[in-house]
């Protein structure tokens, strides 16, 4: 039989109510009393019944995390960070896959599984402002990803334009001037691809380099094959760049494969920078220089904000929170090879 609150109370010589107050982190407990109860908890190995606690509050203890691509390492790594962050609050995470389809994103953010989950963290691709404004589901929603919305929900996203500019600035500092952008998309001006392309344009212009739109290649998707095809298309245009800034690491890795097949050296002939800092970027034959979003901070801030909404009380108006990022310089732009996980930049609201 497991250890109960009564057992802890007897060991500490206090009431069951006092133990409950400590376990539930109520503020009106003296530090001395809290320490006394905590010692008894540690000695007996007491673990609170989180399921019962959630049920008493009319909740399931489950939050959902919906992503467009579970096969994309970035989202897989981010899901792991969300699960870890949620566990700190006693929540279990249900991971859902929308395939980046608008109808599935609508289904997830409306009434889908509302009887199962307490709240939702969603990384949308195709939802529009009107879709979010029409949402009638009352469970809390936190938006992830760099798509910008004017909707009354908390949004957690790094500054894509600034991050892209830091990547291009690094290439410019290396003396590269014909910098290509792989991974642009058509439509929806506030999607991440447009923001990163905007950063590409702004940094080149600031450096006095006219952005060459013939060096911009659109892709149908964001995978390795898309990057390989985009790099091949660019080379076949006869306008060879001296550097590539890719929308994400997968596109960058695909581009590097094409360059190797064409006998072009990285970084000597063409330097390459990606975006996301997936694990593969650190362990390839050529380490990939990449923008590193602070995934742990993104996950933590999203879960914290969702839990605050669930708790009610003095919750502020919806906020746009910008976790930090950094640029990891590796072999693809002439840096040293590294396999150590890259720490994220600091949090910033």
C-alpha atoms as a PDB file:
ATOM      1  CA  UNK A   1       0.000   0.000   0.000  1.00  0.00           C
ATOM      2  CA  UNK A   2       1.289   3.496  -0.821  1.00  0.00           C
ATOM      3  CA  UNK A   3       2.152   6.198   1.657  1.00  0.00           C
ATOM      4  CA  UNK A   4      -0.821   8.432   2.514  1.00  0.00           C
ATOM      5  CA  UNK A   5      -1.218  11.993   3.760  1.00  0.00           C
ATOM      6  CA  UNK A   6      -2.153  10.495   7.131  1.00  0.00           C
ATOM      7  CA  UNK A   7       1.169   8.634   7.272  1.00  0.00           C
ATOM      8  CA  UNK A   8       3.080  11.841   6.545  1.00  0.00           C
ATOM      9  CA  UNK A   9       1.044  13.753   9.140  1.00  0.00           C
ATOM     10  CA  UNK A  10       1.809  11.151  11.810  1.00  0.00           C
ATOM     11  CA  UNK A  11       5.531  11.159  10.992  1.00  0.00           C
ATOM     12  CA  UNK A  12       5.690  14.980  11.089  1.00  0.00           C
ATOM     13  CA  UNK A  13       3.402  15.290  14.114  1.00  0.00           C
ATOM     14  CA  UNK A  14       1.017  17.665  12.335  1.00  0.00           C
ATOM     15  CA  UNK A  15      -2.516  17.586  10.984  1.00  0.00           C
ATOM     16  CA  UNK A  16      -3.479  16.078   7.634  1.00  0.00           C
ATOM     17  CA  UNK A  17      -4.651  19.561   6.587  1.00  0.00           C
ATOM     18  CA  UNK A  18      -1.167  20.969   7.194  1.00  0.00           C
ATOM     19  CA  UNK A  19       0.398  18.250   5.046  1.00  0.00           C
ATOM     20  CA  UNK A  20      -2.154  18.983   2.320  1.00  0.00           C
ATOM     21  CA  UNK A  21      -1.294  22.688   2.456  1.00  0.00           C
ATOM     22  CA  UNK A  22       2.399  21.900   2.006  1.00  0.00           C
ATOM     23  CA  UNK A  23       1.810  19.403  -0.815  1.00  0.00           C
ATOM     24  CA  UNK A  24      -0.432  21.886  -2.650  1.00  0.00           C
ATOM     25  CA  UNK A  25       2.074  24.679  -2.071  1.00  0.00           C
ATOM     26  CA  UNK A  26      -0.335  26.962  -0.249  1.00  0.00           C
ATOM     27  CA  UNK A  27       1.427  30.167   0.823  1.00  0.00           C
ATOM     28  CA  UNK A  28       0.219  30.412   4.432  1.00  0.00           C
ATOM     29  CA  UNK A  29       2.608  27.831   5.886  1.00  0.00           C
ATOM     30  CA  UNK A  30       5.627  28.888   7.922  1.00  0.00           C
ATOM     31  CA  UNK A  31       9.052  27.950   6.507  1.00  0.00           C
ATOM     32  CA  UNK A  32       9.753  25.877   9.633  1.00  0.00           C
ATOM     33  CA  UNK A  33       6.510  23.903   9.271  1.00  0.00           C
ATOM     34  CA  UNK A  34       7.055  23.434   5.538  1.00  0.00           C
ATOM     35  CA  UNK A  35      10.557  22.075   6.174  1.00  0.00           C
ATOM     36  CA  UNK A  36       9.273  19.710   8.865  1.00  0.00           C
ATOM     37  CA  UNK A  37       6.582  18.268   6.602  1.00  0.00           C
ATOM     38  CA  UNK A  38       8.972  18.033   3.651  1.00  0.00           C
ATOM     39  CA  UNK A  39      11.387  15.966   5.742  1.00  0.00           C
ATOM     40  CA  UNK A  40       8.592  13.523   6.538  1.00  0.00           C
ATOM     41  CA  UNK A  41       7.625  13.397   2.838  1.00  0.00           C
ATOM     42  CA  UNK A  42      11.209  12.643   1.832  1.00  0.00           C
ATOM     43  CA  UNK A  43      11.707  10.027   4.545  1.00  0.00           C
ATOM     44  CA  UNK A  44       8.525   8.142   3.661  1.00  0.00           C
ATOM     45  CA  UNK A  45       8.822   8.614  -0.104  1.00  0.00           C
ATOM     46  CA  UNK A  46       5.327  10.083  -0.374  1.00  0.00           C
ATOM     47  CA  UNK A  47       4.069  10.861  -3.883  1.00  0.00           C
ATOM     48  CA  UNK A  48       0.865  12.872  -4.334  1.00  0.00           C
ATOM     49  CA  UNK A  49      -1.999  11.323  -6.281  1.00  0.00           C
ATOM     50  CA  UNK A  50      -2.027  13.763  -9.180  1.00  0.00           C
ATOM     51  CA  UNK A  51      -4.997  12.123 -10.871  1.00  0.00           C
ATOM     52  CA  UNK A  52      -7.162  12.567  -7.788  1.00  0.00           C
ATOM     53  CA  UNK A  53      -5.963  16.144  -7.392  1.00  0.00           C
ATOM     54  CA  UNK A  54      -6.929  17.027 -10.974  1.00  0.00           C
ATOM     55  CA  UNK A  55     -10.302  15.305 -10.671  1.00  0.00           C
ATOM     56  CA  UNK A  56     -11.110  17.278  -7.514  1.00  0.00           C
ATOM     57  CA  UNK A  57     -10.566  20.420  -9.571  1.00  0.00           C
ATOM     58  CA  UNK A  58     -12.770  19.145 -12.395  1.00  0.00           C
ATOM     59  CA  UNK A  59      -9.817  18.523 -14.720  1.00  0.00           C
ATOM     60  CA  UNK A  60      -8.254  15.563 -16.471  1.00  0.00           C
ATOM     61  CA  UNK A  61      -4.608  16.421 -15.847  1.00  0.00           C
ATOM     62  CA  UNK A  62      -3.916  16.208 -19.586  1.00  0.00           C
ATOM     63  CA  UNK A  63      -2.875  18.987 -21.960  1.00  0.00           C
ATOM     64  CA  UNK A  64      -2.507  18.580 -25.714  1.00  0.00           C
ATOM     65  CA  UNK A  65       0.402  19.648 -27.886  1.00  0.00           C
ATOM     66  CA  UNK A  66      -0.503  19.769 -31.586  1.00  0.00           C
ATOM     67  CA  UNK A  67       2.272  20.037 -34.177  1.00  0.00           C
ATOM     68  CA  UNK A  68       2.274  20.050 -37.992  1.00  0.00           C
ATOM     69  CA  UNK A  69       5.006  17.432 -38.488  1.00  0.00           C
ATOM     70  CA  UNK A  70       5.984  14.801 -35.956  1.00  0.00           C
ATOM     71  CA  UNK A  71       8.558  13.515 -38.460  1.00  0.00           C
ATOM     72  CA  UNK A  72      10.357  16.859 -38.361  1.00  0.00           C
ATOM     73  CA  UNK A  73      13.128  16.579 -35.739  1.00  0.00           C
ATOM     74  CA  UNK A  74      12.518  20.142 -34.560  1.00  0.00           C
ATOM     75  CA  UNK A  75       8.949  19.348 -33.511  1.00  0.00           C
ATOM     76  CA  UNK A  76       9.971  16.000 -32.032  1.00  0.00           C
ATOM     77  CA  UNK A  77      12.612  17.719 -29.898  1.00  0.00           C
ATOM     78  CA  UNK A  78      10.185  20.479 -28.944  1.00  0.00           C
ATOM     79  CA  UNK A  79       7.540  17.894 -27.967  1.00  0.00           C
ATOM     80  CA  UNK A  80      10.056  16.278 -25.622  1.00  0.00           C
ATOM     81  CA  UNK A  81      10.717  19.646 -24.000  1.00  0.00           C
ATOM     82  CA  UNK A  82       6.978  20.311 -23.597  1.00  0.00           C
ATOM     83  CA  UNK A  83       6.474  16.908 -21.970  1.00  0.00           C
ATOM     84  CA  UNK A  84       9.306  17.620 -19.521  1.00  0.00           C
ATOM     85  CA  UNK A  85       7.950  21.077 -18.696  1.00  0.00           C
ATOM     86  CA  UNK A  86       4.402  19.786 -18.203  1.00  0.00           C
ATOM     87  CA  UNK A  87       5.615  17.051 -15.862  1.00  0.00           C
ATOM     88  CA  UNK A  88       6.961  19.748 -13.544  1.00  0.00           C
ATOM     89  CA  UNK A  89       3.339  20.857 -13.075  1.00  0.00           C
ATOM     90  CA  UNK A  90       1.934  17.339 -12.756  1.00  0.00           C
ATOM     91  CA  UNK A  91       0.422  17.297 -16.251  1.00  0.00           C
ATOM     92  CA  UNK A  92       0.515  14.591 -18.907  1.00  0.00           C
ATOM     93  CA  UNK A  93       0.863  15.637 -22.558  1.00  0.00           C
ATOM     94  CA  UNK A  94      -1.193  14.262 -25.439  1.00  0.00           C
ATOM     95  CA  UNK A  95       0.769  14.885 -28.660  1.00  0.00           C
ATOM     96  CA  UNK A  96      -1.330  15.367 -31.794  1.00  0.00           C
ATOM     97  CA  UNK A  97      -0.336  15.650 -35.450  1.00  0.00           C
ATOM     98  CA  UNK A  98      -2.149  18.086 -37.737  1.00  0.00           C
ATOM     99  CA  UNK A  99      -0.042  17.443 -40.868  1.00  0.00           C
ATOM    100  CA  UNK A 100      -0.159  21.212 -41.353  1.00  0.00           C
ATOM    101  CA  UNK A 101      -3.722  20.906 -42.716  1.00  0.00           C
ATOM    102  CA  UNK A 102      -6.105  23.767 -41.983  1.00  0.00           C
ATOM    103  CA  UNK A 103      -9.089  21.486 -41.384  1.00  0.00           C
ATOM    104  CA  UNK A 104      -7.168  19.490 -38.785  1.00  0.00           C
ATOM    105  CA  UNK A 105      -5.867  22.648 -37.124  1.00  0.00           C
ATOM    106  CA  UNK A 106      -9.459  23.904 -36.925  1.00  0.00           C
ATOM    107  CA  UNK A 107     -10.607  20.599 -35.469  1.00  0.00           C
ATOM    108  CA  UNK A 108      -7.882  20.636 -32.830  1.00  0.00           C
ATOM    109  CA  UNK A 109      -8.457  24.215 -31.667  1.00  0.00           C
ATOM    110  CA  UNK A 110     -12.243  23.999 -31.604  1.00  0.00           C
ATOM    111  CA  UNK A 111     -14.007  21.241 -29.672  1.00  0.00           C
ATOM    112  CA  UNK A 112     -11.820  18.268 -30.527  1.00  0.00           C
ATOM    113  CA  UNK A 113     -11.159  16.165 -27.387  1.00  0.00           C
ATOM    114  CA  UNK A 114     -12.409  18.994 -25.164  1.00  0.00           C
ATOM    115  CA  UNK A 115     -13.689  16.355 -22.730  1.00  0.00           C
ATOM    116  CA  UNK A 116     -10.227  14.798 -22.543  1.00  0.00           C
ATOM    117  CA  UNK A 117      -7.846  17.748 -22.305  1.00  0.00           C
ATOM    118  CA  UNK A 118      -7.617  20.747 -19.994  1.00  0.00           C
ATOM    119  CA  UNK A 119      -5.796  23.012 -22.440  1.00  0.00           C
ATOM    120  CA  UNK A 120      -3.991  23.138 -25.778  1.00  0.00           C
ATOM    121  CA  UNK A 121      -0.592  24.245 -27.039  1.00  0.00           C
ATOM    122  CA  UNK A 122      -0.829  24.560 -30.822  1.00  0.00           C
ATOM    123  CA  UNK A 123       1.782  25.203 -33.492  1.00  0.00           C
ATOM    124  CA  UNK A 124      -0.393  26.228 -36.473  1.00  0.00           C
ATOM    125  CA  UNK A 125       0.559  26.646 -40.106  1.00  0.00           C
ATOM    126  CA  UNK A 126      -2.619  27.574 -41.953  1.00  0.00           C
ATOM    127  CA  UNK A 127      -4.996  28.976 -39.341  1.00  0.00           C
ATOM    128  CA  UNK A 128      -6.027  32.576 -39.951  1.00  0.00           C
ATOM    129  CA  UNK A 129      -6.948  35.323 -37.483  1.00  0.00           C
ATOM    130  CA  UNK A 130     -10.638  34.836 -38.254  1.00  0.00           C
ATOM    131  CA  UNK A 131     -10.379  31.148 -37.365  1.00  0.00           C
ATOM    132  CA  UNK A 132      -8.993  31.979 -33.947  1.00  0.00           C
ATOM    133  CA  UNK A 133     -11.419  34.846 -33.356  1.00  0.00           C
ATOM    134  CA  UNK A 134     -14.309  32.474 -34.107  1.00  0.00           C
ATOM    135  CA  UNK A 135     -13.103  29.895 -31.582  1.00  0.00           C
ATOM    136  CA  UNK A 136     -15.827  29.091 -29.058  1.00  0.00           C
ATOM    137  CA  UNK A 137     -13.994  26.453 -27.041  1.00  0.00           C
ATOM    138  CA  UNK A 138     -13.287  27.849 -23.574  1.00  0.00           C
ATOM    139  CA  UNK A 139     -10.260  25.730 -22.669  1.00  0.00           C
ATOM    140  CA  UNK A 140      -7.000  27.742 -22.633  1.00  0.00           C
ATOM    141  CA  UNK A 141      -4.983  27.944 -25.837  1.00  0.00           C
ATOM    142  CA  UNK A 142      -1.336  28.939 -26.262  1.00  0.00           C
ATOM    143  CA  UNK A 143       0.086  29.415 -29.755  1.00  0.00           C
ATOM    144  CA  UNK A 144       3.612  28.388 -30.717  1.00  0.00           C
ATOM    145  CA  UNK A 145       5.571  29.047 -33.863  1.00  0.00           C
ATOM    146  CA  UNK A 146       6.539  32.172 -35.638  1.00  0.00           C
ATOM    147  CA  UNK A 147       3.286  32.802 -37.507  1.00  0.00           C
ATOM    148  CA  UNK A 148       2.002  36.145 -36.238  1.00  0.00           C
ATOM    149  CA  UNK A 149      -1.647  36.492 -35.188  1.00  0.00           C
ATOM    150  CA  UNK A 150      -3.802  39.331 -33.951  1.00  0.00           C
ATOM    151  CA  UNK A 151      -5.921  37.117 -31.724  1.00  0.00           C
ATOM    152  CA  UNK A 152      -6.562  37.108 -27.950  1.00  0.00           C
ATOM    153  CA  UNK A 153      -4.249  34.209 -27.154  1.00  0.00           C
ATOM    154  CA  UNK A 154      -0.771  33.956 -25.702  1.00  0.00           C
ATOM    155  CA  UNK A 155       1.882  33.470 -28.370  1.00  0.00           C
ATOM    156  CA  UNK A 156       5.391  32.107 -27.802  1.00  0.00           C
ATOM    157  CA  UNK A 157       7.862  32.728 -30.625  1.00  0.00           C
ATOM    158  CA  UNK A 158      11.400  33.889 -31.189  1.00  0.00           C
ATOM    159  CA  UNK A 159      12.035  37.008 -33.273  1.00  0.00           C
ATOM    160  CA  UNK A 160      12.389  35.412 -36.702  1.00  0.00           C
ATOM    161  CA  UNK A 161      13.449  38.554 -38.505  1.00  0.00           C
ATOM    162  CA  UNK A 162      16.221  39.329 -36.019  1.00  0.00           C
ATOM    163  CA  UNK A 163      17.355  35.691 -35.954  1.00  0.00           C
ATOM    164  CA  UNK A 164      17.528  35.562 -39.757  1.00  0.00           C
ATOM    165  CA  UNK A 165      19.475  38.813 -39.807  1.00  0.00           C
ATOM    166  CA  UNK A 166      22.045  37.355 -37.402  1.00  0.00           C
ATOM    167  CA  UNK A 167      22.561  34.385 -39.745  1.00  0.00           C
ATOM    168  CA  UNK A 168      23.001  36.609 -42.801  1.00  0.00           C
ATOM    169  CA  UNK A 169      25.252  38.983 -40.865  1.00  0.00           C
ATOM    170  CA  UNK A 170      27.547  36.072 -40.054  1.00  0.00           C
ATOM    171  CA  UNK A 171      27.830  35.194 -43.729  1.00  0.00           C
ATOM    172  CA  UNK A 172      28.477  38.818 -44.665  1.00  0.00           C
ATOM    173  CA  UNK A 173      31.205  39.012 -42.016  1.00  0.00           C
ATOM    174  CA  UNK A 174      32.875  36.074 -43.773  1.00  0.00           C
ATOM    175  CA  UNK A 175      33.004  38.131 -46.981  1.00  0.00           C
ATOM    176  CA  UNK A 176      30.151  36.332 -48.708  1.00  0.00           C
ATOM    177  CA  UNK A 177      27.979  38.544 -50.897  1.00  0.00           C
ATOM    178  CA  UNK A 178      25.948  36.225 -53.120  1.00  0.00           C
ATOM    179  CA  UNK A 179      23.827  34.766 -50.354  1.00  0.00           C
ATOM    180  CA  UNK A 180      20.914  32.583 -51.452  1.00  0.00           C
ATOM    181  CA  UNK A 181      17.723  31.923 -49.498  1.00  0.00           C
ATOM    182  CA  UNK A 182      16.207  28.448 -49.809  1.00  0.00           C
ATOM    183  CA  UNK A 183      12.704  27.717 -48.570  1.00  0.00           C
ATOM    184  CA  UNK A 184      10.532  30.713 -49.425  1.00  0.00           C
ATOM    185  CA  UNK A 185       6.774  30.233 -49.717  1.00  0.00           C
ATOM    186  CA  UNK A 186       3.969  32.011 -51.529  1.00  0.00           C
ATOM    187  CA  UNK A 187       1.078  33.727 -49.760  1.00  0.00           C
ATOM    188  CA  UNK A 188       0.443  34.423 -46.063  1.00  0.00           C
ATOM    189  CA  UNK A 189       2.819  37.258 -45.441  1.00  0.00           C
ATOM    190  CA  UNK A 190       3.275  36.591 -41.735  1.00  0.00           C
ATOM    191  CA  UNK A 191       4.361  32.968 -41.976  1.00  0.00           C
ATOM    192  CA  UNK A 192       7.865  32.078 -40.700  1.00  0.00           C
ATOM    193  CA  UNK A 193       9.320  31.689 -44.203  1.00  0.00           C
ATOM    194  CA  UNK A 194       8.313  35.252 -45.057  1.00  0.00           C
ATOM    195  CA  UNK A 195       9.743  36.584 -41.802  1.00  0.00           C
ATOM    196  CA  UNK A 196      13.072  34.841 -42.347  1.00  0.00           C
ATOM    197  CA  UNK A 197      13.160  36.006 -45.958  1.00  0.00           C
ATOM    198  CA  UNK A 198      12.457  39.528 -44.703  1.00  0.00           C
ATOM    199  CA  UNK A 199      15.416  39.233 -42.358  1.00  0.00           C
ATOM    200  CA  UNK A 200      17.561  38.098 -45.292  1.00  0.00           C
ATOM    201  CA  UNK A 201      16.542  41.150 -47.314  1.00  0.00           C
ATOM    202  CA  UNK A 202      16.911  43.614 -44.434  1.00  0.00           C
ATOM    203  CA  UNK A 203      20.404  42.506 -43.444  1.00  0.00           C
ATOM    204  CA  UNK A 204      21.710  42.511 -47.011  1.00  0.00           C
ATOM    205  CA  UNK A 205      20.271  45.978 -47.571  1.00  0.00           C
ATOM    206  CA  UNK A 206      21.742  47.250 -44.299  1.00  0.00           C
ATOM    207  CA  UNK A 207      25.158  46.017 -45.473  1.00  0.00           C
ATOM    208  CA  UNK A 208      24.813  47.826 -48.784  1.00  0.00           C
ATOM    209  CA  UNK A 209      24.266  44.609 -50.758  1.00  0.00           C
ATOM    210  CA  UNK A 210      21.328  44.614 -53.142  1.00  0.00           C
ATOM    211  CA  UNK A 211      19.181  41.514 -52.432  1.00  0.00           C
ATOM    212  CA  UNK A 212      19.306  39.338 -55.556  1.00  0.00           C
ATOM    213  CA  UNK A 213      15.853  37.805 -55.918  1.00  0.00           C
ATOM    214  CA  UNK A 214      17.213  35.283 -58.431  1.00  0.00           C
ATOM    215  CA  UNK A 215      18.944  33.674 -55.444  1.00  0.00           C
ATOM    216  CA  UNK A 216      15.612  33.015 -53.692  1.00  0.00           C
ATOM    217  CA  UNK A 217      14.167  29.543 -54.252  1.00  0.00           C
ATOM    218  CA  UNK A 218      10.698  28.467 -53.132  1.00  0.00           C
ATOM    219  CA  UNK A 219      10.063  24.938 -51.860  1.00  0.00           C
ATOM    220  CA  UNK A 220       6.916  22.839 -51.640  1.00  0.00           C
ATOM    221  CA  UNK A 221       7.875  21.485 -48.245  1.00  0.00           C
ATOM    222  CA  UNK A 222      10.529  21.825 -45.574  1.00  0.00           C
ATOM    223  CA  UNK A 223      12.342  18.470 -45.771  1.00  0.00           C
ATOM    224  CA  UNK A 224      15.758  17.286 -46.889  1.00  0.00           C
ATOM    225  CA  UNK A 225      14.461  16.403 -50.350  1.00  0.00           C
ATOM    226  CA  UNK A 226      13.044  19.910 -50.754  1.00  0.00           C
ATOM    227  CA  UNK A 227      16.435  21.387 -49.877  1.00  0.00           C
ATOM    228  CA  UNK A 228      18.271  19.090 -52.285  1.00  0.00           C
ATOM    229  CA  UNK A 229      15.875  19.984 -55.118  1.00  0.00           C
ATOM    230  CA  UNK A 230      16.051  23.725 -54.350  1.00  0.00           C
ATOM    231  CA  UNK A 231      19.848  23.703 -54.399  1.00  0.00           C
ATOM    232  CA  UNK A 232      19.857  21.804 -57.698  1.00  0.00           C
ATOM    233  CA  UNK A 233      17.394  24.286 -59.191  1.00  0.00           C
ATOM    234  CA  UNK A 234      19.537  27.217 -58.095  1.00  0.00           C
ATOM    235  CA  UNK A 235      22.715  25.740 -59.586  1.00  0.00           C
ATOM    236  CA  UNK A 236      20.925  24.941 -62.830  1.00  0.00           C
ATOM    237  CA  UNK A 237      19.912  28.596 -63.138  1.00  0.00           C
ATOM    238  CA  UNK A 238      23.572  29.361 -63.659  1.00  0.00           C
ATOM    239  CA  UNK A 239      23.626  31.902 -60.820  1.00  0.00           C
ATOM    240  CA  UNK A 240      25.872  30.170 -58.316  1.00  0.00           C
ATOM    241  CA  UNK A 241      25.866  31.711 -54.831  1.00  0.00           C
ATOM    242  CA  UNK A 242      28.807  31.818 -52.464  1.00  0.00           C
ATOM    243  CA  UNK A 243      26.586  31.149 -49.457  1.00  0.00           C
ATOM    244  CA  UNK A 244      23.175  29.695 -48.585  1.00  0.00           C
ATOM    245  CA  UNK A 245      20.813  30.633 -45.771  1.00  0.00           C
ATOM    246  CA  UNK A 246      18.143  27.932 -45.512  1.00  0.00           C
ATOM    247  CA  UNK A 247      14.696  28.218 -43.943  1.00  0.00           C
ATOM    248  CA  UNK A 248      15.508  25.290 -41.671  1.00  0.00           C
ATOM    249  CA  UNK A 249      18.174  22.680 -40.968  1.00  0.00           C
ATOM    250  CA  UNK A 250      16.516  19.974 -43.052  1.00  0.00           C
ATOM    251  CA  UNK A 251      16.584  22.174 -46.153  1.00  0.00           C
ATOM    252  CA  UNK A 252      20.195  23.087 -45.397  1.00  0.00           C
ATOM    253  CA  UNK A 253      21.199  19.428 -45.031  1.00  0.00           C
ATOM    254  CA  UNK A 254      19.492  18.557 -48.305  1.00  0.00           C
ATOM    255  CA  UNK A 255      21.267  21.443 -50.013  1.00  0.00           C
ATOM    256  CA  UNK A 256      24.615  20.231 -48.678  1.00  0.00           C
ATOM    257  CA  UNK A 257      23.942  16.804 -50.167  1.00  0.00           C
ATOM    258  CA  UNK A 258      23.390  18.330 -53.604  1.00  0.00           C
ATOM    259  CA  UNK A 259      26.546  20.415 -53.277  1.00  0.00           C
ATOM    260  CA  UNK A 260      28.565  17.297 -52.444  1.00  0.00           C
ATOM    261  CA  UNK A 261      27.117  15.473 -55.463  1.00  0.00           C
ATOM    262  CA  UNK A 262      28.059  18.417 -57.709  1.00  0.00           C
ATOM    263  CA  UNK A 263      31.636  18.455 -56.414  1.00  0.00           C
ATOM    264  CA  UNK A 264      31.248  21.757 -54.560  1.00  0.00           C
ATOM    265  CA  UNK A 265      32.931  22.124 -51.167  1.00  0.00           C
ATOM    266  CA  UNK A 266      31.291  23.388 -47.981  1.00  0.00           C
ATOM    267  CA  UNK A 267      32.279  25.977 -46.843  1.00  0.00           C
ATOM    268  CA  UNK A 268      35.151  26.696 -49.263  1.00  0.00           C
ATOM    269  CA  UNK A 269      32.922  27.094 -52.336  1.00  0.00           C
ATOM    270  CA  UNK A 270      29.567  27.696 -50.679  1.00  0.00           C
ATOM    271  CA  UNK A 271      28.964  28.331 -46.980  1.00  0.00           C
ATOM    272  CA  UNK A 272      25.676  27.065 -45.513  1.00  0.00           C
ATOM    273  CA  UNK A 273      23.575  28.204 -42.548  1.00  0.00           C
ATOM    274  CA  UNK A 274      20.407  26.511 -41.297  1.00  0.00           C
ATOM    275  CA  UNK A 275      17.754  27.259 -38.703  1.00  0.00           C
ATOM    276  CA  UNK A 276      16.463  25.139 -35.754  1.00  0.00           C
ATOM    277  CA  UNK A 277      19.575  23.401 -34.363  1.00  0.00           C
ATOM    278  CA  UNK A 278      18.168  19.889 -34.653  1.00  0.00           C
ATOM    279  CA  UNK A 279      20.413  17.153 -33.294  1.00  0.00           C
ATOM    280  CA  UNK A 280      21.410  16.058 -36.800  1.00  0.00           C
ATOM    281  CA  UNK A 281      22.968  19.472 -37.431  1.00  0.00           C
ATOM    282  CA  UNK A 282      25.581  18.705 -34.755  1.00  0.00           C
ATOM    283  CA  UNK A 283      26.442  15.157 -35.774  1.00  0.00           C
ATOM    284  CA  UNK A 284      26.780  15.266 -39.569  1.00  0.00           C
ATOM    285  CA  UNK A 285      30.095  14.800 -41.363  1.00  0.00           C
ATOM    286  CA  UNK A 286      30.106  18.591 -41.662  1.00  0.00           C
ATOM    287  CA  UNK A 287      28.682  20.352 -38.608  1.00  0.00           C
ATOM    288  CA  UNK A 288      25.965  22.797 -39.675  1.00  0.00           C
ATOM    289  CA  UNK A 289      26.041  26.419 -38.593  1.00  0.00           C
ATOM    290  CA  UNK A 290      22.504  27.189 -37.509  1.00  0.00           C
ATOM    291  CA  UNK A 291      20.188  29.497 -35.602  1.00  0.00           C
ATOM    292  CA  UNK A 292      19.379  27.819 -32.273  1.00  0.00           C
ATOM    293  CA  UNK A 293      15.957  28.693 -30.825  1.00  0.00           C
ATOM    294  CA  UNK A 294      15.858  28.058 -27.086  1.00  0.00           C
ATOM    295  CA  UNK A 295      13.496  25.066 -27.298  1.00  0.00           C
ATOM    296  CA  UNK A 296      13.525  24.475 -23.540  1.00  0.00           C
ATOM    297  CA  UNK A 297      12.515  28.096 -22.906  1.00  0.00           C
ATOM    298  CA  UNK A 298       9.815  27.930 -25.593  1.00  0.00           C
ATOM    299  CA  UNK A 299       8.341  24.809 -24.003  1.00  0.00           C
ATOM    300  CA  UNK A 300       8.634  26.110 -20.451  1.00  0.00           C
ATOM    301  CA  UNK A 301       7.033  29.467 -21.190  1.00  0.00           C
ATOM    302  CA  UNK A 302       4.197  27.830 -23.148  1.00  0.00           C
ATOM    303  CA  UNK A 303       3.403  25.320 -20.398  1.00  0.00           C
ATOM    304  CA  UNK A 304       3.744  27.921 -17.642  1.00  0.00           C
ATOM    305  CA  UNK A 305       1.358  30.251 -19.441  1.00  0.00           C
ATOM    306  CA  UNK A 306      -1.172  27.465 -20.012  1.00  0.00           C
ATOM    307  CA  UNK A 307      -1.021  26.406 -16.362  1.00  0.00           C
ATOM    308  CA  UNK A 308      -1.486  30.032 -15.279  1.00  0.00           C
ATOM    309  CA  UNK A 309      -4.620  30.201 -17.430  1.00  0.00           C
ATOM    310  CA  UNK A 310      -5.920  26.964 -15.941  1.00  0.00           C
ATOM    311  CA  UNK A 311      -5.306  28.236 -12.413  1.00  0.00           C
ATOM    312  CA  UNK A 312      -7.275  31.427 -13.080  1.00  0.00           C
ATOM    313  CA  UNK A 313      -6.756  34.222 -10.580  1.00  0.00           C
ATOM    314  CA  UNK A 314      -4.803  37.296 -11.625  1.00  0.00           C
ATOM    315  CA  UNK A 315      -3.961  36.267 -15.176  1.00  0.00           C
ATOM    316  CA  UNK A 316      -2.841  39.167 -17.325  1.00  0.00           C
ATOM    317  CA  UNK A 317      -3.955  39.963 -20.841  1.00  0.00           C
ATOM    318  CA  UNK A 318      -2.666  37.719 -23.656  1.00  0.00           C
ATOM    319  CA  UNK A 319       1.023  38.252 -24.234  1.00  0.00           C
ATOM    320  CA  UNK A 320       3.504  37.708 -27.037  1.00  0.00           C
ATOM    321  CA  UNK A 321       6.567  36.165 -25.423  1.00  0.00           C
ATOM    322  CA  UNK A 322       9.891  35.963 -27.245  1.00  0.00           C
ATOM    323  CA  UNK A 323      12.281  33.315 -25.922  1.00  0.00           C
ATOM    324  CA  UNK A 324      15.944  33.683 -26.816  1.00  0.00           C
ATOM    325  CA  UNK A 325      18.062  32.227 -29.598  1.00  0.00           C
ATOM    326  CA  UNK A 326      21.727  32.073 -30.563  1.00  0.00           C
ATOM    327  CA  UNK A 327      23.830  31.320 -33.616  1.00  0.00           C
ATOM    328  CA  UNK A 328      25.952  28.164 -33.368  1.00  0.00           C
ATOM    329  CA  UNK A 329      28.924  28.509 -35.714  1.00  0.00           C
ATOM    330  CA  UNK A 330      30.157  25.169 -37.024  1.00  0.00           C
ATOM    331  CA  UNK A 331      32.076  23.705 -39.962  1.00  0.00           C
ATOM    332  CA  UNK A 332      29.598  24.630 -42.698  1.00  0.00           C
ATOM    333  CA  UNK A 333      30.781  28.245 -42.385  1.00  0.00           C
ATOM    334  CA  UNK A 334      34.359  27.529 -41.287  1.00  0.00           C
ATOM    335  CA  UNK A 335      33.823  27.093 -37.553  1.00  0.00           C
ATOM    336  CA  UNK A 336      35.062  24.233 -35.384  1.00  0.00           C
ATOM    337  CA  UNK A 337      33.219  20.926 -35.363  1.00  0.00           C
ATOM    338  CA  UNK A 338      31.069  20.515 -32.255  1.00  0.00           C
ATOM    339  CA  UNK A 339      28.740  17.785 -31.015  1.00  0.00           C
ATOM    340  CA  UNK A 340      27.790  19.420 -27.738  1.00  0.00           C
ATOM    341  CA  UNK A 341      24.138  20.508 -27.420  1.00  0.00           C
ATOM    342  CA  UNK A 342      23.888  24.234 -28.008  1.00  0.00           C
ATOM    343  CA  UNK A 343      22.484  26.161 -25.030  1.00  0.00           C
ATOM    344  CA  UNK A 344      19.634  28.525 -25.795  1.00  0.00           C
ATOM    345  CA  UNK A 345      19.711  32.253 -25.425  1.00  0.00           C
ATOM    346  CA  UNK A 346      17.972  33.907 -22.516  1.00  0.00           C
ATOM    347  CA  UNK A 347      14.258  34.430 -22.215  1.00  0.00           C
ATOM    348  CA  UNK A 348      12.833  37.742 -23.360  1.00  0.00           C
ATOM    349  CA  UNK A 349       9.231  38.914 -23.296  1.00  0.00           C
END
